[in-house]
């Protein structure tokens, strides 16, 4: 089982190198990450966008463009769509957002003709390496679904389990996180957590163990679970934290990112190929980690 990002990078050394399509590639932070991913042997890349602007950025960051294919397209919408088309046609394995707004990019992802629709719910999965915790922690959904209902939470779990397995976690333990670890009819998230747990017990959610509701402390800390008398296969050992809504998930994501010694990467899944939807505020390391994560998921889909 992979315990950190070094383990994930090691897994990629024995995998077939993947190809990344970059939508509107004339973005300095994104090209820096693409260059690093190439240097680390994680992925090759096809750069779609304004060639002159790409060359200008590449000169600034000392990037050798002879190692990359460039598809010239000045129009942002057409460039985004072309990058998606490269993936849907099999010319690339995954796609990354460059200098294009998220709404335009996602419209291309969802394009009925060349997009990456599967009929499944799309969701965002973040993978965190947290100092002091002996395993990777997956967090979902901090970026895409706002207030998922029970049915959507099942699909979000399925998406995160797929990512966990790509990371080498064979039977991930899923904790539906709530403010308390008991079912309270006045707290709908706890009711959903109990229903998800029962669905898991009955085999309606496969490939993982779901148990909750669990508060955050007794989901990730065996000591906290012991002190509170919380038992079960997931208590203190959770691999995946299913947060109840985007408010909670986004606050937790940013709290970990900005106040704790962590490394992370994140991708959008539920699509036919991994989608890297990093923010301009994300660090260089996060962007590289996200490319690596997408490559692992792409390998897992094989």
C-alpha atoms as a PDB file:
ATOM      1  CA  UNK A   1       0.000   0.000   0.000  1.00  0.00           C
ATOM      2  CA  UNK A   2       1.334   3.436  -0.914  1.00  0.00           C
ATOM      3  CA  UNK A   3       1.918   5.567   2.184  1.00  0.00           C
ATOM      4  CA  UNK A   4       3.204   8.774   0.593  1.00  0.00           C
ATOM      5  CA  UNK A   5       3.776  10.510  -2.734  1.00  0.00           C
ATOM      6  CA  UNK A   6       7.248   8.994  -3.071  1.00  0.00           C
ATOM      7  CA  UNK A   7       5.528   5.592  -3.159  1.00  0.00           C
ATOM      8  CA  UNK A   8       3.142   6.861  -5.834  1.00  0.00           C
ATOM      9  CA  UNK A   9       6.028   8.149  -7.950  1.00  0.00           C
ATOM     10  CA  UNK A  10       7.711   4.747  -7.576  1.00  0.00           C
ATOM     11  CA  UNK A  11       4.591   3.028  -8.918  1.00  0.00           C
ATOM     12  CA  UNK A  12       4.777   5.200 -12.027  1.00  0.00           C
ATOM     13  CA  UNK A  13       8.339   4.086 -12.761  1.00  0.00           C
ATOM     14  CA  UNK A  14       7.052   0.641 -13.691  1.00  0.00           C
ATOM     15  CA  UNK A  15       3.927   1.885 -15.501  1.00  0.00           C
ATOM     16  CA  UNK A  16       3.608   2.814 -19.147  1.00  0.00           C
ATOM     17  CA  UNK A  17       4.314   6.520 -19.557  1.00  0.00           C
ATOM     18  CA  UNK A  18       1.127   8.491 -20.126  1.00  0.00           C
ATOM     19  CA  UNK A  19       0.391  11.449 -22.390  1.00  0.00           C
ATOM     20  CA  UNK A  20      -1.155  14.617 -20.988  1.00  0.00           C
ATOM     21  CA  UNK A  21      -3.166  17.069 -23.095  1.00  0.00           C
ATOM     22  CA  UNK A  22      -2.941  20.635 -21.779  1.00  0.00           C
ATOM     23  CA  UNK A  23      -5.839  22.949 -22.608  1.00  0.00           C
ATOM     24  CA  UNK A  24      -4.725  26.527 -23.351  1.00  0.00           C
ATOM     25  CA  UNK A  25      -1.161  25.740 -22.372  1.00  0.00           C
ATOM     26  CA  UNK A  26       0.285  29.293 -22.273  1.00  0.00           C
ATOM     27  CA  UNK A  27       0.206  29.314 -18.473  1.00  0.00           C
ATOM     28  CA  UNK A  28       3.518  29.591 -16.636  1.00  0.00           C
ATOM     29  CA  UNK A  29       2.683  27.590 -13.453  1.00  0.00           C
ATOM     30  CA  UNK A  30       1.075  24.836 -15.519  1.00  0.00           C
ATOM     31  CA  UNK A  31       3.995  24.614 -17.965  1.00  0.00           C
ATOM     32  CA  UNK A  32       6.438  24.480 -15.044  1.00  0.00           C
ATOM     33  CA  UNK A  33       4.522  21.474 -13.711  1.00  0.00           C
ATOM     34  CA  UNK A  34       4.343  19.853 -17.147  1.00  0.00           C
ATOM     35  CA  UNK A  35       8.109  20.331 -17.559  1.00  0.00           C
ATOM     36  CA  UNK A  36       8.756  18.738 -14.152  1.00  0.00           C
ATOM     37  CA  UNK A  37       6.420  15.833 -14.939  1.00  0.00           C
ATOM     38  CA  UNK A  38       8.353  15.230 -18.151  1.00  0.00           C
ATOM     39  CA  UNK A  39      11.698  15.417 -16.345  1.00  0.00           C
ATOM     40  CA  UNK A  40      10.487  12.959 -13.685  1.00  0.00           C
ATOM     41  CA  UNK A  41       9.278  10.523 -16.340  1.00  0.00           C
ATOM     42  CA  UNK A  42       5.659  10.839 -15.203  1.00  0.00           C
ATOM     43  CA  UNK A  43       4.098  11.931 -18.486  1.00  0.00           C
ATOM     44  CA  UNK A  44       4.695  13.385 -21.920  1.00  0.00           C
ATOM     45  CA  UNK A  45       2.473  16.265 -22.973  1.00  0.00           C
ATOM     46  CA  UNK A  46       0.692  17.741 -25.961  1.00  0.00           C
ATOM     47  CA  UNK A  47       0.377  21.503 -25.563  1.00  0.00           C
ATOM     48  CA  UNK A  48      -2.721  23.050 -27.114  1.00  0.00           C
ATOM     49  CA  UNK A  49      -2.908  26.827 -27.325  1.00  0.00           C
ATOM     50  CA  UNK A  50      -1.335  29.955 -28.763  1.00  0.00           C
ATOM     51  CA  UNK A  51       2.075  28.745 -29.975  1.00  0.00           C
ATOM     52  CA  UNK A  52       3.775  32.144 -29.754  1.00  0.00           C
ATOM     53  CA  UNK A  53       2.612  32.626 -26.169  1.00  0.00           C
ATOM     54  CA  UNK A  54       3.619  29.080 -25.255  1.00  0.00           C
ATOM     55  CA  UNK A  55       7.082  29.724 -26.672  1.00  0.00           C
ATOM     56  CA  UNK A  56       7.315  32.991 -24.744  1.00  0.00           C
ATOM     57  CA  UNK A  57       6.511  31.258 -21.444  1.00  0.00           C
ATOM     58  CA  UNK A  58       8.820  28.341 -22.271  1.00  0.00           C
ATOM     59  CA  UNK A  59      11.742  30.707 -22.822  1.00  0.00           C
ATOM     60  CA  UNK A  60      11.068  32.323 -19.463  1.00  0.00           C
ATOM     61  CA  UNK A  61      11.179  28.990 -17.583  1.00  0.00           C
ATOM     62  CA  UNK A  62      13.957  27.402 -19.696  1.00  0.00           C
ATOM     63  CA  UNK A  63      11.674  24.718 -21.123  1.00  0.00           C
ATOM     64  CA  UNK A  64      12.842  22.815 -24.214  1.00  0.00           C
ATOM     65  CA  UNK A  65       9.780  22.700 -26.466  1.00  0.00           C
ATOM     66  CA  UNK A  66      11.424  20.300 -28.921  1.00  0.00           C
ATOM     67  CA  UNK A  67      10.432  17.580 -26.444  1.00  0.00           C
ATOM     68  CA  UNK A  68       6.738  18.470 -26.723  1.00  0.00           C
ATOM     69  CA  UNK A  69       4.102  18.445 -29.448  1.00  0.00           C
ATOM     70  CA  UNK A  70       2.365  21.809 -29.856  1.00  0.00           C
ATOM     71  CA  UNK A  71      -1.026  22.251 -31.487  1.00  0.00           C
ATOM     72  CA  UNK A  72      -1.556  25.903 -32.350  1.00  0.00           C
ATOM     73  CA  UNK A  73      -4.994  27.291 -31.557  1.00  0.00           C
ATOM     74  CA  UNK A  74      -5.423  30.927 -30.524  1.00  0.00           C
ATOM     75  CA  UNK A  75      -9.118  30.664 -29.694  1.00  0.00           C
ATOM     76  CA  UNK A  76      -9.466  29.638 -26.038  1.00  0.00           C
ATOM     77  CA  UNK A  77     -12.729  27.706 -26.448  1.00  0.00           C
ATOM     78  CA  UNK A  78     -11.444  25.814 -29.487  1.00  0.00           C
ATOM     79  CA  UNK A  79      -8.159  25.050 -27.733  1.00  0.00           C
ATOM     80  CA  UNK A  80      -9.973  23.635 -24.698  1.00  0.00           C
ATOM     81  CA  UNK A  81     -12.198  21.502 -26.910  1.00  0.00           C
ATOM     82  CA  UNK A  82      -9.224  20.258 -28.932  1.00  0.00           C
ATOM     83  CA  UNK A  83      -7.409  19.154 -25.777  1.00  0.00           C
ATOM     84  CA  UNK A  84     -10.485  17.189 -24.715  1.00  0.00           C
ATOM     85  CA  UNK A  85     -10.793  15.682 -28.173  1.00  0.00           C
ATOM     86  CA  UNK A  86      -7.208  14.420 -27.948  1.00  0.00           C
ATOM     87  CA  UNK A  87      -8.204  12.436 -24.882  1.00  0.00           C
ATOM     88  CA  UNK A  88     -11.530  11.130 -26.178  1.00  0.00           C
ATOM     89  CA  UNK A  89      -9.839   9.999 -29.403  1.00  0.00           C
ATOM     90  CA  UNK A  90      -7.102   8.158 -27.516  1.00  0.00           C
ATOM     91  CA  UNK A  91      -4.234  10.443 -28.534  1.00  0.00           C
ATOM     92  CA  UNK A  92      -3.805  11.450 -24.876  1.00  0.00           C
ATOM     93  CA  UNK A  93      -4.599   9.707 -21.596  1.00  0.00           C
ATOM     94  CA  UNK A  94      -5.603  12.679 -19.417  1.00  0.00           C
ATOM     95  CA  UNK A  95      -6.224  16.403 -19.644  1.00  0.00           C
ATOM     96  CA  UNK A  96      -5.140  19.442 -17.615  1.00  0.00           C
ATOM     97  CA  UNK A  97      -6.667  22.893 -17.441  1.00  0.00           C
ATOM     98  CA  UNK A  98      -4.330  25.710 -18.441  1.00  0.00           C
ATOM     99  CA  UNK A  99      -5.060  29.410 -18.942  1.00  0.00           C
ATOM    100  CA  UNK A 100      -8.812  28.987 -19.376  1.00  0.00           C
ATOM    101  CA  UNK A 101     -11.651  29.666 -16.975  1.00  0.00           C
ATOM    102  CA  UNK A 102     -13.130  26.622 -15.275  1.00  0.00           C
ATOM    103  CA  UNK A 103     -16.625  27.026 -16.769  1.00  0.00           C
ATOM    104  CA  UNK A 104     -15.310  27.046 -20.354  1.00  0.00           C
ATOM    105  CA  UNK A 105     -13.030  24.102 -19.622  1.00  0.00           C
ATOM    106  CA  UNK A 106     -15.805  22.026 -18.057  1.00  0.00           C
ATOM    107  CA  UNK A 107     -18.144  22.759 -20.956  1.00  0.00           C
ATOM    108  CA  UNK A 108     -15.526  21.103 -23.158  1.00  0.00           C
ATOM    109  CA  UNK A 109     -15.226  18.157 -20.770  1.00  0.00           C
ATOM    110  CA  UNK A 110     -19.013  17.713 -20.991  1.00  0.00           C
ATOM    111  CA  UNK A 111     -19.276  18.286 -24.745  1.00  0.00           C
ATOM    112  CA  UNK A 112     -21.769  15.782 -26.168  1.00  0.00           C
ATOM    113  CA  UNK A 113     -19.675  14.962 -29.218  1.00  0.00           C
ATOM    114  CA  UNK A 114     -16.044  14.811 -28.069  1.00  0.00           C
ATOM    115  CA  UNK A 115     -16.327  15.211 -24.304  1.00  0.00           C
ATOM    116  CA  UNK A 116     -15.526  12.765 -21.530  1.00  0.00           C
ATOM    117  CA  UNK A 117     -19.040  12.014 -20.291  1.00  0.00           C
ATOM    118  CA  UNK A 118     -19.693   8.539 -18.898  1.00  0.00           C
ATOM    119  CA  UNK A 119     -23.166   8.987 -17.444  1.00  0.00           C
ATOM    120  CA  UNK A 120     -21.652   8.801 -13.955  1.00  0.00           C
ATOM    121  CA  UNK A 121     -21.471  11.602 -11.435  1.00  0.00           C
ATOM    122  CA  UNK A 122     -18.254  13.596 -11.641  1.00  0.00           C
ATOM    123  CA  UNK A 123     -16.505  14.330  -8.367  1.00  0.00           C
ATOM    124  CA  UNK A 124     -13.212  15.702  -7.103  1.00  0.00           C
ATOM    125  CA  UNK A 125     -10.830  13.541  -5.094  1.00  0.00           C
ATOM    126  CA  UNK A 126      -7.834  14.940  -3.216  1.00  0.00           C
ATOM    127  CA  UNK A 127      -5.011  12.767  -1.945  1.00  0.00           C
ATOM    128  CA  UNK A 128      -3.095  14.053   1.074  1.00  0.00           C
ATOM    129  CA  UNK A 129       0.195  13.032   2.618  1.00  0.00           C
ATOM    130  CA  UNK A 130      -0.021  14.398   6.165  1.00  0.00           C
ATOM    131  CA  UNK A 131       2.926  14.503   8.534  1.00  0.00           C
ATOM    132  CA  UNK A 132       2.264  12.236  11.518  1.00  0.00           C
ATOM    133  CA  UNK A 133      -0.222   9.972   9.704  1.00  0.00           C
ATOM    134  CA  UNK A 134       1.157   6.666   8.430  1.00  0.00           C
ATOM    135  CA  UNK A 135      -0.973   6.476   5.292  1.00  0.00           C
ATOM    136  CA  UNK A 136      -2.392   8.558   2.496  1.00  0.00           C
ATOM    137  CA  UNK A 137      -5.733  10.220   3.241  1.00  0.00           C
ATOM    138  CA  UNK A 138      -8.240  10.797   0.450  1.00  0.00           C
ATOM    139  CA  UNK A 139     -10.688  13.665   0.829  1.00  0.00           C
ATOM    140  CA  UNK A 140     -13.849  14.163  -1.201  1.00  0.00           C
ATOM    141  CA  UNK A 141     -15.543  16.324  -2.486  1.00  0.00           C
ATOM    142  CA  UNK A 142     -13.943  19.707  -1.915  1.00  0.00           C
ATOM    143  CA  UNK A 143     -14.363  21.243  -5.353  1.00  0.00           C
ATOM    144  CA  UNK A 144     -17.247  20.012  -7.472  1.00  0.00           C
ATOM    145  CA  UNK A 145     -20.429  18.686  -5.850  1.00  0.00           C
ATOM    146  CA  UNK A 146     -22.056  21.133  -3.483  1.00  0.00           C
ATOM    147  CA  UNK A 147     -24.677  19.397  -1.302  1.00  0.00           C
ATOM    148  CA  UNK A 148     -24.806  15.769  -2.472  1.00  0.00           C
ATOM    149  CA  UNK A 149     -27.783  13.599  -1.597  1.00  0.00           C
ATOM    150  CA  UNK A 150     -27.532   9.941  -0.594  1.00  0.00           C
ATOM    151  CA  UNK A 151     -27.493   8.632  -4.153  1.00  0.00           C
ATOM    152  CA  UNK A 152     -24.769  11.082  -5.128  1.00  0.00           C
ATOM    153  CA  UNK A 153     -22.718  10.189  -2.056  1.00  0.00           C
ATOM    154  CA  UNK A 154     -22.718   6.555  -3.188  1.00  0.00           C
ATOM    155  CA  UNK A 155     -21.287   7.632  -6.544  1.00  0.00           C
ATOM    156  CA  UNK A 156     -18.740   9.920  -4.867  1.00  0.00           C
ATOM    157  CA  UNK A 157     -17.602   6.960  -2.749  1.00  0.00           C
ATOM    158  CA  UNK A 158     -17.297   4.773  -5.858  1.00  0.00           C
ATOM    159  CA  UNK A 159     -15.179   7.425  -7.568  1.00  0.00           C
ATOM    160  CA  UNK A 160     -12.884   7.828  -4.572  1.00  0.00           C
ATOM    161  CA  UNK A 161     -12.496   4.065  -4.179  1.00  0.00           C
ATOM    162  CA  UNK A 162     -11.320   3.865  -7.786  1.00  0.00           C
ATOM    163  CA  UNK A 163      -8.652   6.495  -7.031  1.00  0.00           C
ATOM    164  CA  UNK A 164      -7.663   4.726  -3.797  1.00  0.00           C
ATOM    165  CA  UNK A 165      -7.163   1.429  -5.617  1.00  0.00           C
ATOM    166  CA  UNK A 166      -5.016   3.184  -8.237  1.00  0.00           C
ATOM    167  CA  UNK A 167      -2.878   4.388  -5.313  1.00  0.00           C
ATOM    168  CA  UNK A 168      -2.430   0.810  -4.134  1.00  0.00           C
ATOM    169  CA  UNK A 169      -5.066   0.770  -1.366  1.00  0.00           C
ATOM    170  CA  UNK A 170      -6.731  -2.563  -2.091  1.00  0.00           C
ATOM    171  CA  UNK A 171      -9.716  -2.406   0.259  1.00  0.00           C
ATOM    172  CA  UNK A 172     -10.087   1.242   1.310  1.00  0.00           C
ATOM    173  CA  UNK A 173     -11.850   2.157   4.516  1.00  0.00           C
ATOM    174  CA  UNK A 174     -14.387   4.951   4.005  1.00  0.00           C
ATOM    175  CA  UNK A 175     -15.538   7.232   6.830  1.00  0.00           C
ATOM    176  CA  UNK A 176     -18.616   9.409   6.241  1.00  0.00           C
ATOM    177  CA  UNK A 177     -17.575  12.372   8.385  1.00  0.00           C
ATOM    178  CA  UNK A 178     -20.064  14.148  10.630  1.00  0.00           C
ATOM    179  CA  UNK A 179     -19.892  16.371  13.701  1.00  0.00           C
ATOM    180  CA  UNK A 180     -20.752  13.409  15.927  1.00  0.00           C
ATOM    181  CA  UNK A 181     -20.379   9.635  15.773  1.00  0.00           C
ATOM    182  CA  UNK A 182     -23.997   8.788  16.601  1.00  0.00           C
ATOM    183  CA  UNK A 183     -27.090   8.892  14.418  1.00  0.00           C
ATOM    184  CA  UNK A 184     -29.149  11.987  15.155  1.00  0.00           C
ATOM    185  CA  UNK A 185     -32.373  12.482  13.129  1.00  0.00           C
ATOM    186  CA  UNK A 186     -31.906  16.250  13.471  1.00  0.00           C
ATOM    187  CA  UNK A 187     -28.528  15.978  11.676  1.00  0.00           C
ATOM    188  CA  UNK A 188     -29.216  14.632   8.153  1.00  0.00           C
ATOM    189  CA  UNK A 189     -25.525  13.887   7.469  1.00  0.00           C
ATOM    190  CA  UNK A 190     -25.530  11.305  10.271  1.00  0.00           C
ATOM    191  CA  UNK A 191     -28.587   9.597   8.796  1.00  0.00           C
ATOM    192  CA  UNK A 192     -26.919   9.453   5.374  1.00  0.00           C
ATOM    193  CA  UNK A 193     -23.776   8.034   6.995  1.00  0.00           C
ATOM    194  CA  UNK A 194     -25.747   5.259   8.692  1.00  0.00           C
ATOM    195  CA  UNK A 195     -27.542   4.393   5.447  1.00  0.00           C
ATOM    196  CA  UNK A 196     -24.261   4.295   3.524  1.00  0.00           C
ATOM    197  CA  UNK A 197     -22.831   1.966   6.161  1.00  0.00           C
ATOM    198  CA  UNK A 198     -25.799  -0.392   5.897  1.00  0.00           C
ATOM    199  CA  UNK A 199     -25.581  -0.323   2.085  1.00  0.00           C
ATOM    200  CA  UNK A 200     -21.927  -1.299   2.398  1.00  0.00           C
ATOM    201  CA  UNK A 201     -22.813  -4.149   4.777  1.00  0.00           C
ATOM    202  CA  UNK A 202     -25.325  -5.460   2.237  1.00  0.00           C
ATOM    203  CA  UNK A 203     -22.913  -5.278  -0.673  1.00  0.00           C
ATOM    204  CA  UNK A 204     -24.625  -2.359  -2.361  1.00  0.00           C
ATOM    205  CA  UNK A 205     -21.348  -0.415  -2.217  1.00  0.00           C
ATOM    206  CA  UNK A 206     -18.495  -2.636  -3.346  1.00  0.00           C
ATOM    207  CA  UNK A 207     -14.720  -2.680  -3.137  1.00  0.00           C
ATOM    208  CA  UNK A 208     -14.448  -0.905   0.201  1.00  0.00           C
ATOM    209  CA  UNK A 209     -15.646  -0.790   3.795  1.00  0.00           C
ATOM    210  CA  UNK A 210     -17.960   2.074   4.761  1.00  0.00           C
ATOM    211  CA  UNK A 211     -18.712   2.762   8.418  1.00  0.00           C
ATOM    212  CA  UNK A 212     -20.157   5.842  10.024  1.00  0.00           C
ATOM    213  CA  UNK A 213     -21.147   8.329  11.136  1.00  0.00           C
ATOM    214  CA  UNK A 214     -17.669   9.123  12.434  1.00  0.00           C
ATOM    215  CA  UNK A 215     -16.340  12.405  13.728  1.00  0.00           C
ATOM    216  CA  UNK A 216     -13.027  13.414  12.206  1.00  0.00           C
ATOM    217  CA  UNK A 217     -10.952  12.579  15.273  1.00  0.00           C
ATOM    218  CA  UNK A 218     -12.181   9.015  15.631  1.00  0.00           C
ATOM    219  CA  UNK A 219     -12.015   8.440  11.883  1.00  0.00           C
ATOM    220  CA  UNK A 220      -8.273   9.082  11.578  1.00  0.00           C
ATOM    221  CA  UNK A 221      -6.947   8.502  15.121  1.00  0.00           C
ATOM    222  CA  UNK A 222      -7.078   5.066  16.736  1.00  0.00           C
ATOM    223  CA  UNK A 223      -6.262   6.687  20.059  1.00  0.00           C
ATOM    224  CA  UNK A 224      -9.242   9.048  19.802  1.00  0.00           C
ATOM    225  CA  UNK A 225     -11.518   6.195  18.757  1.00  0.00           C
ATOM    226  CA  UNK A 226     -10.355   4.122  21.727  1.00  0.00           C
ATOM    227  CA  UNK A 227     -10.912   6.941  24.212  1.00  0.00           C
ATOM    228  CA  UNK A 228     -14.433   7.526  22.901  1.00  0.00           C
ATOM    229  CA  UNK A 229     -15.238   3.834  22.772  1.00  0.00           C
ATOM    230  CA  UNK A 230     -15.844   3.963  19.018  1.00  0.00           C
ATOM    231  CA  UNK A 231     -15.233   0.582  17.425  1.00  0.00           C
ATOM    232  CA  UNK A 232     -15.435  -0.896  13.957  1.00  0.00           C
ATOM    233  CA  UNK A 233     -13.205  -1.671  11.008  1.00  0.00           C
ATOM    234  CA  UNK A 234     -12.943   1.987   9.937  1.00  0.00           C
ATOM    235  CA  UNK A 235     -12.633   3.742  13.307  1.00  0.00           C
ATOM    236  CA  UNK A 236      -9.181   5.312  13.547  1.00  0.00           C
ATOM    237  CA  UNK A 237      -8.107   3.696  10.270  1.00  0.00           C
ATOM    238  CA  UNK A 238      -9.990   5.623   7.565  1.00  0.00           C
ATOM    239  CA  UNK A 239      -8.364   5.960   4.140  1.00  0.00           C
ATOM    240  CA  UNK A 240     -11.171   8.004   2.559  1.00  0.00           C
ATOM    241  CA  UNK A 241     -12.962  10.885   4.252  1.00  0.00           C
ATOM    242  CA  UNK A 242     -16.380  11.504   2.706  1.00  0.00           C
ATOM    243  CA  UNK A 243     -17.282  15.029   3.791  1.00  0.00           C
ATOM    244  CA  UNK A 244     -20.987  15.924   3.998  1.00  0.00           C
ATOM    245  CA  UNK A 245     -20.906  18.982   1.712  1.00  0.00           C
ATOM    246  CA  UNK A 246     -18.615  21.334  -0.151  1.00  0.00           C
ATOM    247  CA  UNK A 247     -18.470  23.852   2.709  1.00  0.00           C
ATOM    248  CA  UNK A 248     -16.975  21.351   5.130  1.00  0.00           C
ATOM    249  CA  UNK A 249     -14.772  19.688   2.500  1.00  0.00           C
ATOM    250  CA  UNK A 250     -13.371  22.915   1.091  1.00  0.00           C
ATOM    251  CA  UNK A 251     -12.572  24.305   4.531  1.00  0.00           C
ATOM    252  CA  UNK A 252     -10.822  21.071   5.477  1.00  0.00           C
ATOM    253  CA  UNK A 253      -8.882  20.988   2.197  1.00  0.00           C
ATOM    254  CA  UNK A 254      -7.634  24.537   2.654  1.00  0.00           C
ATOM    255  CA  UNK A 255      -6.952  24.063   6.358  1.00  0.00           C
ATOM    256  CA  UNK A 256      -4.716  21.096   5.590  1.00  0.00           C
ATOM    257  CA  UNK A 257      -3.064  22.916   2.705  1.00  0.00           C
ATOM    258  CA  UNK A 258      -2.287  26.169   4.481  1.00  0.00           C
ATOM    259  CA  UNK A 259      -1.847  25.290   8.149  1.00  0.00           C
ATOM    260  CA  UNK A 260      -0.342  21.793   8.246  1.00  0.00           C
ATOM    261  CA  UNK A 261       2.779  20.086   6.851  1.00  0.00           C
ATOM    262  CA  UNK A 262       1.145  18.269   3.951  1.00  0.00           C
ATOM    263  CA  UNK A 263       1.550  17.331   0.313  1.00  0.00           C
ATOM    264  CA  UNK A 264      -1.444  16.828  -1.936  1.00  0.00           C
ATOM    265  CA  UNK A 265      -2.751  16.326  -5.414  1.00  0.00           C
ATOM    266  CA  UNK A 266      -6.276  16.196  -6.783  1.00  0.00           C
ATOM    267  CA  UNK A 267      -8.232  15.201  -9.869  1.00  0.00           C
ATOM    268  CA  UNK A 268     -11.761  15.160 -11.231  1.00  0.00           C
ATOM    269  CA  UNK A 269     -13.068  11.649 -11.869  1.00  0.00           C
ATOM    270  CA  UNK A 270     -16.295  10.064 -13.033  1.00  0.00           C
ATOM    271  CA  UNK A 271     -15.140  10.957 -16.530  1.00  0.00           C
ATOM    272  CA  UNK A 272     -13.771   8.536 -19.127  1.00  0.00           C
ATOM    273  CA  UNK A 273     -10.266   9.850 -18.359  1.00  0.00           C
ATOM    274  CA  UNK A 274      -8.760  11.796 -15.434  1.00  0.00           C
ATOM    275  CA  UNK A 275      -9.203  15.576 -15.481  1.00  0.00           C
ATOM    276  CA  UNK A 276      -6.671  17.809 -13.703  1.00  0.00           C
ATOM    277  CA  UNK A 277      -8.514  20.864 -12.494  1.00  0.00           C
ATOM    278  CA  UNK A 278      -5.953  22.650 -10.356  1.00  0.00           C
ATOM    279  CA  UNK A 279      -6.411  26.188  -9.065  1.00  0.00           C
ATOM    280  CA  UNK A 280      -3.985  28.992  -9.831  1.00  0.00           C
ATOM    281  CA  UNK A 281      -3.497  29.176  -6.058  1.00  0.00           C
ATOM    282  CA  UNK A 282      -2.284  25.566  -5.949  1.00  0.00           C
ATOM    283  CA  UNK A 283       1.441  25.143  -5.447  1.00  0.00           C
ATOM    284  CA  UNK A 284       3.856  23.866  -8.066  1.00  0.00           C
ATOM    285  CA  UNK A 285       4.216  20.656  -6.046  1.00  0.00           C
ATOM    286  CA  UNK A 286       0.448  20.148  -5.954  1.00  0.00           C
ATOM    287  CA  UNK A 287       0.235  20.515  -9.729  1.00  0.00           C
ATOM    288  CA  UNK A 288       2.992  17.931 -10.281  1.00  0.00           C
ATOM    289  CA  UNK A 289       1.390  15.575  -7.744  1.00  0.00           C
ATOM    290  CA  UNK A 290      -1.952  15.970  -9.523  1.00  0.00           C
ATOM    291  CA  UNK A 291      -0.386  14.969 -12.850  1.00  0.00           C
ATOM    292  CA  UNK A 292       1.129  11.912 -11.148  1.00  0.00           C
ATOM    293  CA  UNK A 293      -2.217  11.016  -9.591  1.00  0.00           C
ATOM    294  CA  UNK A 294      -3.963  11.324 -12.966  1.00  0.00           C
ATOM    295  CA  UNK A 295      -1.316   9.064 -14.537  1.00  0.00           C
ATOM    296  CA  UNK A 296      -1.895   6.422 -11.846  1.00  0.00           C
ATOM    297  CA  UNK A 297      -5.660   6.526 -12.319  1.00  0.00           C
ATOM    298  CA  UNK A 298      -5.213   6.314 -16.083  1.00  0.00           C
ATOM    299  CA  UNK A 299      -2.989   3.260 -15.579  1.00  0.00           C
ATOM    300  CA  UNK A 300      -5.584   1.758 -13.256  1.00  0.00           C
ATOM    301  CA  UNK A 301      -8.310   2.158 -15.874  1.00  0.00           C
ATOM    302  CA  UNK A 302      -6.349  -0.152 -18.170  1.00  0.00           C
END
